[in-house]
């Protein structure tokens, strides 16, 4: 039973952002009351390859913090945040995505929410607080849904056991 509790209480956070400074600030500033781990990616291609090749448990709350603009060594644009979000939702739709926007990227907010992002957060001094709040809310929502599912399963098992027991008693009394 302890193993199930450990699985249920975990949060996986994936930081996908081109800015090393911003990624480091997120990595150091994220706070969760539940056990969690963080993995950083500097581009969308590496993140999508990781997501594709890794078996992710649906009992863990997965949160991807996705930046919008990415560049390579030659300063050429790579897969952008919208493309990363679209790929993520095709590969692992249960992963929660929070888009991280600079001041000049805010106009994409409505569009990325239609694509499945749970929030768009501006990269400013209060971003960490908002990210931590969203992660807590997403975890609580998933934990409640999982407890409801576990309760329903337990209820079905109890009812089935009761029916088998009653049937056994009735059949044994009828045959004797």
C-alpha atoms as a PDB file:
ATOM      1  CA  UNK A   1       0.000   0.000   0.000  1.00  0.00           C
ATOM      2  CA  UNK A   2       2.881   2.370   0.729  1.00  0.00           C
ATOM      3  CA  UNK A   3       4.144   2.065  -2.858  1.00  0.00           C
ATOM      4  CA  UNK A   4       0.753   3.148  -4.222  1.00  0.00           C
ATOM      5  CA  UNK A   5       0.751   6.160  -1.895  1.00  0.00           C
ATOM      6  CA  UNK A   6       4.226   7.168  -3.075  1.00  0.00           C
ATOM      7  CA  UNK A   7       3.136   6.955  -6.703  1.00  0.00           C
ATOM      8  CA  UNK A   8      -0.047   8.914  -6.043  1.00  0.00           C
ATOM      9  CA  UNK A   9       1.795  11.693  -4.250  1.00  0.00           C
ATOM     10  CA  UNK A  10       4.369  12.449  -6.941  1.00  0.00           C
ATOM     11  CA  UNK A  11       4.515  15.370  -9.305  1.00  0.00           C
ATOM     12  CA  UNK A  12       6.693  15.480 -12.428  1.00  0.00           C
ATOM     13  CA  UNK A  13       7.613  18.918 -13.742  1.00  0.00           C
ATOM     14  CA  UNK A  14       9.223  19.456 -17.129  1.00  0.00           C
ATOM     15  CA  UNK A  15      10.777  22.858 -17.830  1.00  0.00           C
ATOM     16  CA  UNK A  16      11.059  23.501 -21.574  1.00  0.00           C
ATOM     17  CA  UNK A  17      12.634  26.904 -22.109  1.00  0.00           C
ATOM     18  CA  UNK A  18      15.471  28.336 -24.192  1.00  0.00           C
ATOM     19  CA  UNK A  19      16.627  30.747 -21.492  1.00  0.00           C
ATOM     20  CA  UNK A  20      19.118  29.072 -19.158  1.00  0.00           C
ATOM     21  CA  UNK A  21      18.630  31.806 -16.551  1.00  0.00           C
ATOM     22  CA  UNK A  22      14.850  31.416 -16.568  1.00  0.00           C
ATOM     23  CA  UNK A  23      15.063  27.604 -16.457  1.00  0.00           C
ATOM     24  CA  UNK A  24      17.445  27.792 -13.496  1.00  0.00           C
ATOM     25  CA  UNK A  25      15.175  30.272 -11.689  1.00  0.00           C
ATOM     26  CA  UNK A  26      12.207  27.940 -12.186  1.00  0.00           C
ATOM     27  CA  UNK A  27      14.228  24.903 -11.161  1.00  0.00           C
ATOM     28  CA  UNK A  28      15.281  26.544  -7.901  1.00  0.00           C
ATOM     29  CA  UNK A  29      11.993  28.318  -7.179  1.00  0.00           C
ATOM     30  CA  UNK A  30       9.368  25.637  -7.639  1.00  0.00           C
ATOM     31  CA  UNK A  31       7.930  24.488  -4.321  1.00  0.00           C
ATOM     32  CA  UNK A  32       5.524  21.615  -3.804  1.00  0.00           C
ATOM     33  CA  UNK A  33       4.192  20.051  -0.637  1.00  0.00           C
ATOM     34  CA  UNK A  34       4.265  16.631  -2.298  1.00  0.00           C
ATOM     35  CA  UNK A  35       7.374  14.779  -3.477  1.00  0.00           C
ATOM     36  CA  UNK A  36       8.299  15.967  -6.962  1.00  0.00           C
ATOM     37  CA  UNK A  37      11.048  15.928  -9.524  1.00  0.00           C
ATOM     38  CA  UNK A  38      12.040  18.375 -12.242  1.00  0.00           C
ATOM     39  CA  UNK A  39      13.654  17.792 -15.608  1.00  0.00           C
ATOM     40  CA  UNK A  40      14.887  20.644 -17.824  1.00  0.00           C
ATOM     41  CA  UNK A  41      14.967  20.831 -21.630  1.00  0.00           C
ATOM     42  CA  UNK A  42      16.453  23.646 -23.706  1.00  0.00           C
ATOM     43  CA  UNK A  43      14.406  22.833 -26.825  1.00  0.00           C
ATOM     44  CA  UNK A  44      11.132  21.234 -27.819  1.00  0.00           C
ATOM     45  CA  UNK A  45      12.639  18.453 -29.901  1.00  0.00           C
ATOM     46  CA  UNK A  46      14.465  16.954 -26.911  1.00  0.00           C
ATOM     47  CA  UNK A  47      11.350  17.278 -24.746  1.00  0.00           C
ATOM     48  CA  UNK A  48       9.025  15.616 -27.287  1.00  0.00           C
ATOM     49  CA  UNK A  49      11.561  12.799 -27.857  1.00  0.00           C
ATOM     50  CA  UNK A  50      11.733  12.260 -24.096  1.00  0.00           C
ATOM     51  CA  UNK A  51       7.926  12.247 -23.758  1.00  0.00           C
ATOM     52  CA  UNK A  52       7.554   9.835 -26.689  1.00  0.00           C
ATOM     53  CA  UNK A  53      10.162   7.390 -25.442  1.00  0.00           C
ATOM     54  CA  UNK A  54       9.263   7.438 -21.729  1.00  0.00           C
ATOM     55  CA  UNK A  55       6.405   5.524 -20.170  1.00  0.00           C
ATOM     56  CA  UNK A  56       4.601   8.008 -17.933  1.00  0.00           C
ATOM     57  CA  UNK A  57       2.280   6.928 -15.147  1.00  0.00           C
ATOM     58  CA  UNK A  58      -1.135   8.541 -15.253  1.00  0.00           C
ATOM     59  CA  UNK A  59      -1.199   8.401 -11.441  1.00  0.00           C
ATOM     60  CA  UNK A  60       1.512  11.064 -11.341  1.00  0.00           C
ATOM     61  CA  UNK A  61       0.638  14.705 -11.989  1.00  0.00           C
ATOM     62  CA  UNK A  62       2.710  15.750 -15.009  1.00  0.00           C
ATOM     63  CA  UNK A  63       3.197  19.479 -15.647  1.00  0.00           C
ATOM     64  CA  UNK A  64       5.123  20.900 -18.609  1.00  0.00           C
ATOM     65  CA  UNK A  65       6.220  24.533 -18.343  1.00  0.00           C
ATOM     66  CA  UNK A  66       6.739  25.530 -21.971  1.00  0.00           C
ATOM     67  CA  UNK A  67       8.389  28.696 -23.260  1.00  0.00           C
ATOM     68  CA  UNK A  68       7.464  30.084 -26.640  1.00  0.00           C
ATOM     69  CA  UNK A  69      10.620  30.943 -28.609  1.00  0.00           C
ATOM     70  CA  UNK A  70      13.616  28.624 -29.140  1.00  0.00           C
ATOM     71  CA  UNK A  71      16.856  29.139 -31.108  1.00  0.00           C
ATOM     72  CA  UNK A  72      19.798  26.949 -32.128  1.00  0.00           C
ATOM     73  CA  UNK A  73      23.537  27.771 -32.133  1.00  0.00           C
ATOM     74  CA  UNK A  74      23.156  29.684 -35.423  1.00  0.00           C
ATOM     75  CA  UNK A  75      20.335  31.791 -33.928  1.00  0.00           C
ATOM     76  CA  UNK A  76      17.744  30.098 -36.163  1.00  0.00           C
ATOM     77  CA  UNK A  77      14.250  29.517 -34.862  1.00  0.00           C
ATOM     78  CA  UNK A  78      13.471  25.969 -33.706  1.00  0.00           C
ATOM     79  CA  UNK A  79      10.147  24.331 -32.825  1.00  0.00           C
ATOM     80  CA  UNK A  80       8.137  27.032 -31.002  1.00  0.00           C
ATOM     81  CA  UNK A  81       5.967  26.666 -27.924  1.00  0.00           C
ATOM     82  CA  UNK A  82       2.733  26.235 -29.887  1.00  0.00           C
ATOM     83  CA  UNK A  83       4.269  23.417 -31.935  1.00  0.00           C
ATOM     84  CA  UNK A  84       5.600  21.814 -28.756  1.00  0.00           C
ATOM     85  CA  UNK A  85       2.136  22.030 -27.161  1.00  0.00           C
ATOM     86  CA  UNK A  86       0.460  20.523 -30.246  1.00  0.00           C
ATOM     87  CA  UNK A  87       2.959  17.640 -30.304  1.00  0.00           C
ATOM     88  CA  UNK A  88       2.630  17.083 -26.553  1.00  0.00           C
ATOM     89  CA  UNK A  89      -1.165  16.864 -26.730  1.00  0.00           C
ATOM     90  CA  UNK A  90      -0.931  14.336 -29.592  1.00  0.00           C
ATOM     91  CA  UNK A  91       1.620  12.140 -27.816  1.00  0.00           C
ATOM     92  CA  UNK A  92       0.561  12.395 -24.137  1.00  0.00           C
ATOM     93  CA  UNK A  93      -2.698  14.356 -23.807  1.00  0.00           C
ATOM     94  CA  UNK A  94      -2.837  13.834 -20.019  1.00  0.00           C
ATOM     95  CA  UNK A  95       0.277  15.980 -19.443  1.00  0.00           C
ATOM     96  CA  UNK A  96      -0.767  19.424 -18.189  1.00  0.00           C
ATOM     97  CA  UNK A  97       0.873  22.286 -20.071  1.00  0.00           C
ATOM     98  CA  UNK A  98       1.489  25.782 -18.742  1.00  0.00           C
ATOM     99  CA  UNK A  99       2.762  28.231 -21.339  1.00  0.00           C
ATOM    100  CA  UNK A 100       5.383  30.794 -20.324  1.00  0.00           C
ATOM    101  CA  UNK A 101       5.093  34.070 -22.223  1.00  0.00           C
ATOM    102  CA  UNK A 102       7.358  37.090 -22.593  1.00  0.00           C
ATOM    103  CA  UNK A 103       5.709  40.514 -22.883  1.00  0.00           C
ATOM    104  CA  UNK A 104       5.633  40.305 -26.696  1.00  0.00           C
ATOM    105  CA  UNK A 105       4.087  36.792 -26.719  1.00  0.00           C
ATOM    106  CA  UNK A 106       0.903  37.415 -24.730  1.00  0.00           C
ATOM    107  CA  UNK A 107      -1.367  37.554 -27.777  1.00  0.00           C
ATOM    108  CA  UNK A 108      -1.081  33.762 -28.160  1.00  0.00           C
ATOM    109  CA  UNK A 109      -2.817  33.117 -24.810  1.00  0.00           C
ATOM    110  CA  UNK A 110      -6.290  32.368 -26.084  1.00  0.00           C
ATOM    111  CA  UNK A 111      -5.017  30.167 -28.874  1.00  0.00           C
ATOM    112  CA  UNK A 112      -2.808  27.993 -26.662  1.00  0.00           C
ATOM    113  CA  UNK A 113      -5.654  27.523 -24.191  1.00  0.00           C
ATOM    114  CA  UNK A 114      -7.788  26.203 -27.065  1.00  0.00           C
ATOM    115  CA  UNK A 115      -4.946  23.791 -27.851  1.00  0.00           C
ATOM    116  CA  UNK A 116      -5.031  22.447 -24.298  1.00  0.00           C
ATOM    117  CA  UNK A 117      -2.793  24.625 -22.138  1.00  0.00           C
ATOM    118  CA  UNK A 118      -4.182  25.036 -18.629  1.00  0.00           C
ATOM    119  CA  UNK A 119      -2.683  28.512 -18.213  1.00  0.00           C
ATOM    120  CA  UNK A 120      -0.510  31.174 -19.783  1.00  0.00           C
ATOM    121  CA  UNK A 121       1.846  32.820 -17.319  1.00  0.00           C
ATOM    122  CA  UNK A 122       3.890  35.929 -18.052  1.00  0.00           C
ATOM    123  CA  UNK A 123       7.579  35.711 -17.234  1.00  0.00           C
ATOM    124  CA  UNK A 124       7.725  38.332 -14.504  1.00  0.00           C
ATOM    125  CA  UNK A 125       8.483  38.651 -10.797  1.00  0.00           C
ATOM    126  CA  UNK A 126       5.247  36.915  -9.711  1.00  0.00           C
ATOM    127  CA  UNK A 127       5.501  34.036 -12.206  1.00  0.00           C
ATOM    128  CA  UNK A 128       6.905  31.544  -9.692  1.00  0.00           C
ATOM    129  CA  UNK A 129       4.064  32.146  -7.263  1.00  0.00           C
ATOM    130  CA  UNK A 130       1.471  31.630 -10.022  1.00  0.00           C
ATOM    131  CA  UNK A 131       3.257  28.513 -11.313  1.00  0.00           C
ATOM    132  CA  UNK A 132       3.408  27.008  -7.813  1.00  0.00           C
ATOM    133  CA  UNK A 133      -0.316  27.740  -7.339  1.00  0.00           C
ATOM    134  CA  UNK A 134      -1.216  26.102 -10.651  1.00  0.00           C
ATOM    135  CA  UNK A 135       0.874  23.027  -9.870  1.00  0.00           C
ATOM    136  CA  UNK A 136      -0.823  22.683  -6.453  1.00  0.00           C
ATOM    137  CA  UNK A 137      -4.250  23.077  -8.029  1.00  0.00           C
ATOM    138  CA  UNK A 138      -3.509  20.521 -10.769  1.00  0.00           C
ATOM    139  CA  UNK A 139      -2.183  18.045  -8.221  1.00  0.00           C
ATOM    140  CA  UNK A 140      -5.221  18.471  -5.943  1.00  0.00           C
ATOM    141  CA  UNK A 141      -7.609  18.044  -8.849  1.00  0.00           C
ATOM    142  CA  UNK A 142      -5.894  14.857 -10.040  1.00  0.00           C
ATOM    143  CA  UNK A 143      -5.569  13.441  -6.508  1.00  0.00           C
ATOM    144  CA  UNK A 144      -9.299  13.970  -5.915  1.00  0.00           C
ATOM    145  CA  UNK A 145     -10.185  12.292  -9.220  1.00  0.00           C
ATOM    146  CA  UNK A 146      -7.897   9.368  -8.394  1.00  0.00           C
ATOM    147  CA  UNK A 147      -9.419   8.940  -4.935  1.00  0.00           C
ATOM    148  CA  UNK A 148     -12.887   8.954  -6.478  1.00  0.00           C
ATOM    149  CA  UNK A 149     -11.809   6.298  -8.975  1.00  0.00           C
ATOM    150  CA  UNK A 150     -10.226   4.194  -6.186  1.00  0.00           C
ATOM    151  CA  UNK A 151     -13.415   4.515  -4.097  1.00  0.00           C
ATOM    152  CA  UNK A 152     -15.593   3.386  -7.013  1.00  0.00           C
ATOM    153  CA  UNK A 153     -13.333   0.386  -7.618  1.00  0.00           C
ATOM    154  CA  UNK A 154     -13.469  -0.553  -3.925  1.00  0.00           C
ATOM    155  CA  UNK A 155     -17.233  -0.176  -3.928  1.00  0.00           C
ATOM    156  CA  UNK A 156     -17.594  -2.507  -6.937  1.00  0.00           C
ATOM    157  CA  UNK A 157     -15.358  -5.088  -5.258  1.00  0.00           C
ATOM    158  CA  UNK A 158     -17.402  -4.900  -2.025  1.00  0.00           C
ATOM    159  CA  UNK A 159     -20.682  -5.284  -3.908  1.00  0.00           C
ATOM    160  CA  UNK A 160     -19.319  -8.218  -5.918  1.00  0.00           C
ATOM    161  CA  UNK A 161     -18.052  -9.898  -2.730  1.00  0.00           C
ATOM    162  CA  UNK A 162     -21.411  -9.347  -1.049  1.00  0.00           C
ATOM    163  CA  UNK A 163     -23.288 -10.825  -4.036  1.00  0.00           C
ATOM    164  CA  UNK A 164     -21.019 -13.872  -4.140  1.00  0.00           C
ATOM    165  CA  UNK A 165     -21.419 -14.402  -0.375  1.00  0.00           C
ATOM    166  CA  UNK A 166     -25.208 -14.027  -0.473  1.00  0.00           C
ATOM    167  CA  UNK A 167     -25.419 -16.329  -3.492  1.00  0.00           C
ATOM    168  CA  UNK A 168     -23.287 -18.932  -1.751  1.00  0.00           C
ATOM    169  CA  UNK A 169     -25.423 -18.796   1.412  1.00  0.00           C
ATOM    170  CA  UNK A 170     -28.677 -19.016  -0.548  1.00  0.00           C
ATOM    171  CA  UNK A 171     -27.442 -21.854  -2.749  1.00  0.00           C
ATOM    172  CA  UNK A 172     -25.999 -23.820   0.179  1.00  0.00           C
ATOM    173  CA  UNK A 173     -29.248 -23.423   2.188  1.00  0.00           C
ATOM    174  CA  UNK A 174     -31.380 -24.313  -0.813  1.00  0.00           C
ATOM    175  CA  UNK A 175     -29.387 -27.445  -1.619  1.00  0.00           C
ATOM    176  CA  UNK A 176     -29.288 -28.727   1.963  1.00  0.00           C
END
